[in-house]
């Protein structure tokens, strides 16, 4: 028997897991502070496409990577419409909820 979980649930679980792994909540700062910094060339094309589709015109400030290969997740620190934001994207292209830096 195979358990199938909707992608929205997986995205929520990823966001919670990243927050717990980082030791920070959205109000405490960007999760990329505790991630391995990577360049866009190190991010899978599907992850970048999912980010750009969700946040067209955003300027990426920093990308952090958690895990490796198929168990990786990426945390994007970016600016859009004059706001500093962060969001997590997993290797399946599921994009979490963006949040604004308050610190």
Foldseek 3Di string as FASTA:
>chain_A
DDDDDDLLVVQVVVLVVLCVVQVHDQARDFSLVPFAWDDPVPADPLQVVLVCVVAPPKAWDTKGWDDDDQAIKIKTFIDDPRFTWIWIAHPVSRIHDIDGHPD
